[in-house]
Amino acid sequence: SSPLSLGSITEWVPSEGVALAELAAMSLRRAIIRAKEAVQPLRKTSRKDQTRIGTYPVPPEASIWWANRYQVPGGEIKQSFS
């Protein structure tokens, strides 16, 4: 069997269902903790840095461009990694 097989995980637990439930709960706890850490900023942005410094000319068709931002005139976008 492979090193990641379910048999090696369940040796320390009486049944497979309990092992899977405990693994799922542990993974969920870890994911929640990671998400909380990623969301919290180090400190609040100051009021000076939050203030808007001006208004910028936005063309009327900008809303159409924004709505179509995932579409490309030539077809689909293909990415490749070497």
N, C-alpha and C. Protein backbone atom coordinates (compact mmCIF):
# COMPACT_ATOMS: atom_id res chain seq x y z
N SER A 1 0.84 -1.20 0.00
CA SER A 1 0.00 0.00 0.00
C SER A 1 0.87 1.24 0.00
N SER A 2 0.31 2.36 -0.43
CA SER A 2 1.06 3.61 -0.50
C SER A 2 1.22 4.19 0.90
N PRO A 3 2.21 5.08 1.11
CA PRO A 3 2.43 5.65 2.45
C PRO A 3 1.26 6.52 2.93
N LEU A 4 0.42 6.99 2.02
CA LEU A 4 -0.71 7.84 2.42
C LEU A 4 -2.02 7.07 2.46
N SER A 5 -1.95 5.75 2.52
CA SER A 5 -3.17 4.96 2.51
C SER A 5 -3.94 5.14 3.81
N LEU A 6 -5.22 4.87 3.78
CA LEU A 6 -6.10 5.04 4.94
C LEU A 6 -5.76 4.05 6.03
N GLY A 7 -5.21 2.89 5.68
CA GLY A 7 -4.89 1.87 6.67
C GLY A 7 -3.88 2.35 7.69
N SER A 8 -2.86 3.09 7.25
CA SER A 8 -1.84 3.56 8.18
C SER A 8 -2.38 4.63 9.12
N ILE A 9 -3.38 5.38 8.67
CA ILE A 9 -3.97 6.43 9.51
C ILE A 9 -4.86 5.82 10.58
N THR A 10 -5.57 4.76 10.25
CA THR A 10 -6.57 4.20 11.17
C THR A 10 -5.98 3.22 12.17
N GLU A 11 -4.69 2.96 12.14
CA GLU A 11 -4.11 2.01 13.09
C GLU A 11 -4.27 2.48 14.53
N TRP A 12 -4.27 3.78 14.76
CA TRP A 12 -4.35 4.31 16.13
C TRP A 12 -5.79 4.62 16.54
N VAL A 13 -6.77 4.38 15.66
CA VAL A 13 -8.17 4.67 15.94
C VAL A 13 -8.99 3.40 15.71
N PRO A 14 -10.00 3.12 16.57
CA PRO A 14 -10.76 1.88 16.43
C PRO A 14 -11.50 1.72 15.12
N SER A 15 -12.03 2.77 14.53
CA SER A 15 -12.78 2.60 13.29
C SER A 15 -12.40 3.68 12.28
N GLU A 16 -12.61 3.38 10.99
CA GLU A 16 -12.25 4.33 9.94
C GLU A 16 -13.10 5.59 10.00
N GLY A 17 -14.37 5.46 10.34
CA GLY A 17 -15.26 6.62 10.42
C GLY A 17 -14.79 7.63 11.45
N VAL A 18 -14.34 7.13 12.60
CA VAL A 18 -13.84 8.03 13.65
C VAL A 18 -12.57 8.71 13.18
N ALA A 19 -11.68 7.97 12.51
CA ALA A 19 -10.43 8.54 12.03
C ALA A 19 -10.70 9.65 11.01
N LEU A 20 -11.61 9.39 10.09
CA LEU A 20 -11.92 10.40 9.08
C LEU A 20 -12.56 11.62 9.71
N ALA A 21 -13.43 11.41 10.68
CA ALA A 21 -14.08 12.54 11.35
C ALA A 21 -13.07 13.38 12.09
N GLU A 22 -12.14 12.70 12.79
CA GLU A 22 -11.12 13.45 13.54
C GLU A 22 -10.19 14.20 12.59
N LEU A 23 -9.81 13.57 11.49
CA LEU A 23 -8.95 14.25 10.51
C LEU A 23 -9.66 15.44 9.89
N ALA A 24 -10.93 15.28 9.58
CA ALA A 24 -11.70 16.38 8.99
C ALA A 24 -11.81 17.54 9.98
N ALA A 25 -12.09 17.22 11.24
CA ALA A 25 -12.21 18.27 12.25
C ALA A 25 -10.88 19.00 12.44
N MET A 26 -9.79 18.24 12.46
CA MET A 26 -8.47 18.85 12.64
C MET A 26 -8.13 19.75 11.44
N SER A 27 -8.42 19.28 10.23
CA SER A 27 -8.15 20.09 9.05
C SER A 27 -8.98 21.36 9.04
N LEU A 28 -10.25 21.24 9.45
CA LEU A 28 -11.12 22.41 9.51
C LEU A 28 -10.60 23.43 10.51
N ARG A 29 -10.18 22.95 11.69
CA ARG A 29 -9.62 23.88 12.70
C ARG A 29 -8.40 24.60 12.16
N ARG A 30 -7.51 23.86 11.50
CA ARG A 30 -6.30 24.48 10.94
C ARG A 30 -6.64 25.50 9.87
N ALA A 31 -7.61 25.19 9.02
CA ALA A 31 -8.00 26.12 7.95
C ALA A 31 -8.60 27.39 8.53
N ILE A 32 -9.41 27.27 9.58
CA ILE A 32 -10.02 28.45 10.20
C ILE A 32 -8.95 29.32 10.82
N ILE A 33 -8.00 28.71 11.51
CA ILE A 33 -6.92 29.49 12.14
C ILE A 33 -6.09 30.20 11.08
N ARG A 34 -5.77 29.50 9.97
CA ARG A 34 -5.00 30.12 8.88
C ARG A 34 -5.76 31.29 8.27
N ALA A 35 -7.06 31.14 8.08
CA ALA A 35 -7.86 32.22 7.49
C ALA A 35 -7.90 33.43 8.40
N LYS A 36 -8.04 33.20 9.71
CA LYS A 36 -8.07 34.32 10.65
C LYS A 36 -6.74 35.08 10.64
N GLU A 37 -5.63 34.34 10.57
CA GLU A 37 -4.32 34.98 10.55
C GLU A 37 -4.11 35.79 9.28
N ALA A 38 -4.63 35.32 8.16
CA ALA A 38 -4.42 36.00 6.89
C ALA A 38 -5.25 37.28 6.79
N VAL A 39 -6.39 37.32 7.46
CA VAL A 39 -7.31 38.45 7.30
C VAL A 39 -6.92 39.63 8.19
N GLN A 40 -6.40 39.37 9.36
CA GLN A 40 -6.15 40.45 10.31
C GLN A 40 -4.95 41.30 9.89
N PRO A 41 -5.15 42.62 9.71
CA PRO A 41 -4.03 43.49 9.38
C PRO A 41 -3.18 43.76 10.62
N LEU A 42 -1.96 44.19 10.39
CA LEU A 42 -1.09 44.49 11.53
C LEU A 42 -1.59 45.71 12.29
N ARG A 43 -2.02 46.74 11.56
CA ARG A 43 -2.59 47.92 12.22
C ARG A 43 -3.54 48.61 11.26
N LYS A 44 -4.42 49.45 11.82
CA LYS A 44 -5.43 50.13 11.03
C LYS A 44 -4.77 51.21 10.18
N THR A 45 -5.27 51.42 8.97
CA THR A 45 -4.76 52.48 8.11
C THR A 45 -5.14 53.83 8.70
N SER A 46 -4.19 54.76 8.73
CA SER A 46 -4.44 56.06 9.35
C SER A 46 -5.47 56.85 8.54
N ARG A 47 -6.13 57.80 9.20
CA ARG A 47 -7.15 58.62 8.53
C ARG A 47 -6.52 59.42 7.39
N LYS A 48 -5.27 59.89 7.58
CA LYS A 48 -4.58 60.65 6.54
C LYS A 48 -4.40 59.79 5.27
N ASP A 49 -4.05 58.52 5.47
CA ASP A 49 -3.85 57.65 4.31
C ASP A 49 -5.16 57.17 3.71
N GLN A 50 -6.25 57.29 4.46
CA GLN A 50 -7.56 56.88 3.94
C GLN A 50 -8.23 57.96 3.11
N THR A 51 -7.85 59.23 3.32
CA THR A 51 -8.55 60.33 2.64
C THR A 51 -8.30 60.28 1.14
N ARG A 52 -9.33 60.58 0.37
CA ARG A 52 -9.24 60.60 -1.08
C ARG A 52 -8.53 61.88 -1.50
N ILE A 53 -7.56 61.77 -2.40
CA ILE A 53 -6.78 62.97 -2.75
C ILE A 53 -7.30 63.67 -3.99
N GLY A 54 -8.29 63.13 -4.64
CA GLY A 54 -8.82 63.81 -5.82
C GLY A 54 -9.78 62.93 -6.58
N THR A 55 -10.31 63.48 -7.63
CA THR A 55 -11.17 62.69 -8.50
C THR A 55 -10.49 62.57 -9.85
N TYR A 56 -10.72 61.50 -10.52
CA TYR A 56 -10.05 61.24 -11.77
C TYR A 56 -11.09 61.09 -12.88
N PRO A 57 -10.78 61.56 -14.10
CA PRO A 57 -11.74 61.42 -15.19
C PRO A 57 -11.89 59.95 -15.60
N VAL A 58 -13.10 59.45 -15.54
CA VAL A 58 -13.38 58.07 -15.92
C VAL A 58 -14.29 58.10 -17.14
N PRO A 59 -13.90 57.48 -18.24
CA PRO A 59 -14.75 57.52 -19.43
C PRO A 59 -16.06 56.76 -19.20
N PRO A 60 -17.12 57.17 -19.89
CA PRO A 60 -18.41 56.51 -19.69
C PRO A 60 -18.40 55.01 -20.02
N GLU A 61 -17.54 54.60 -20.94
CA GLU A 61 -17.51 53.19 -21.32
C GLU A 61 -16.71 52.33 -20.35
N ALA A 62 -16.19 52.91 -19.29
CA ALA A 62 -15.41 52.15 -18.32
C ALA A 62 -16.23 51.05 -17.67
N SER A 63 -17.52 51.28 -17.48
CA SER A 63 -18.35 50.23 -16.87
C SER A 63 -18.46 49.03 -17.80
N ILE A 64 -18.49 49.26 -19.11
CA ILE A 64 -18.54 48.15 -20.07
C ILE A 64 -17.21 47.41 -20.05
N TRP A 65 -16.10 48.16 -20.00
CA TRP A 65 -14.78 47.52 -19.94
C TRP A 65 -14.66 46.66 -18.69
N TRP A 66 -15.16 47.19 -17.56
CA TRP A 66 -15.06 46.45 -16.30
C TRP A 66 -15.90 45.18 -16.36
N ALA A 67 -17.10 45.26 -16.94
CA ALA A 67 -17.96 44.09 -17.03
C ALA A 67 -17.34 43.02 -17.92
N ASN A 68 -16.57 43.43 -18.94
CA ASN A 68 -15.98 42.48 -19.88
C ASN A 68 -14.50 42.20 -19.60
N ARG A 69 -14.07 42.41 -18.36
CA ARG A 69 -12.64 42.34 -18.07
C ARG A 69 -12.05 40.95 -18.22
N TYR A 70 -12.87 39.88 -18.23
CA TYR A 70 -12.34 38.54 -18.38
C TYR A 70 -12.42 38.03 -19.81
N GLN A 71 -12.93 38.86 -20.70
CA GLN A 71 -13.06 38.43 -22.09
C GLN A 71 -11.96 39.06 -22.94
N VAL A 72 -11.46 38.28 -23.89
CA VAL A 72 -10.37 38.74 -24.74
C VAL A 72 -10.87 38.73 -26.19
N PRO A 73 -10.53 39.76 -26.98
CA PRO A 73 -11.00 39.79 -28.37
C PRO A 73 -10.59 38.57 -29.19
N GLY A 74 -9.40 38.00 -28.94
CA GLY A 74 -8.91 36.90 -29.76
C GLY A 74 -9.44 35.54 -29.38
N GLY A 75 -10.14 35.42 -28.30
CA GLY A 75 -10.61 34.10 -27.85
C GLY A 75 -10.27 33.89 -26.41
N GLU A 76 -9.72 32.71 -26.10
CA GLU A 76 -9.43 32.40 -24.70
C GLU A 76 -7.97 32.64 -24.39
N ILE A 77 -7.68 32.87 -23.12
CA ILE A 77 -6.30 33.06 -22.67
C ILE A 77 -5.74 31.68 -22.30
N LYS A 78 -4.56 31.37 -22.81
CA LYS A 78 -3.91 30.10 -22.47
C LYS A 78 -2.59 30.41 -21.79
N GLN A 79 -2.36 29.74 -20.66
CA GLN A 79 -1.10 29.91 -19.95
C GLN A 79 -0.33 28.60 -19.98
N SER A 80 0.97 28.71 -20.07
CA SER A 80 1.80 27.51 -20.00
C SER A 80 3.00 27.79 -19.12
N PHE A 81 3.45 26.76 -18.45
CA PHE A 81 4.60 26.86 -17.57
C PHE A 81 5.66 25.90 -18.05
N SER A 82 6.88 26.39 -18.05
CA SER A 82 7.96 25.50 -18.50
C SER A 82 8.77 25.01 -17.34
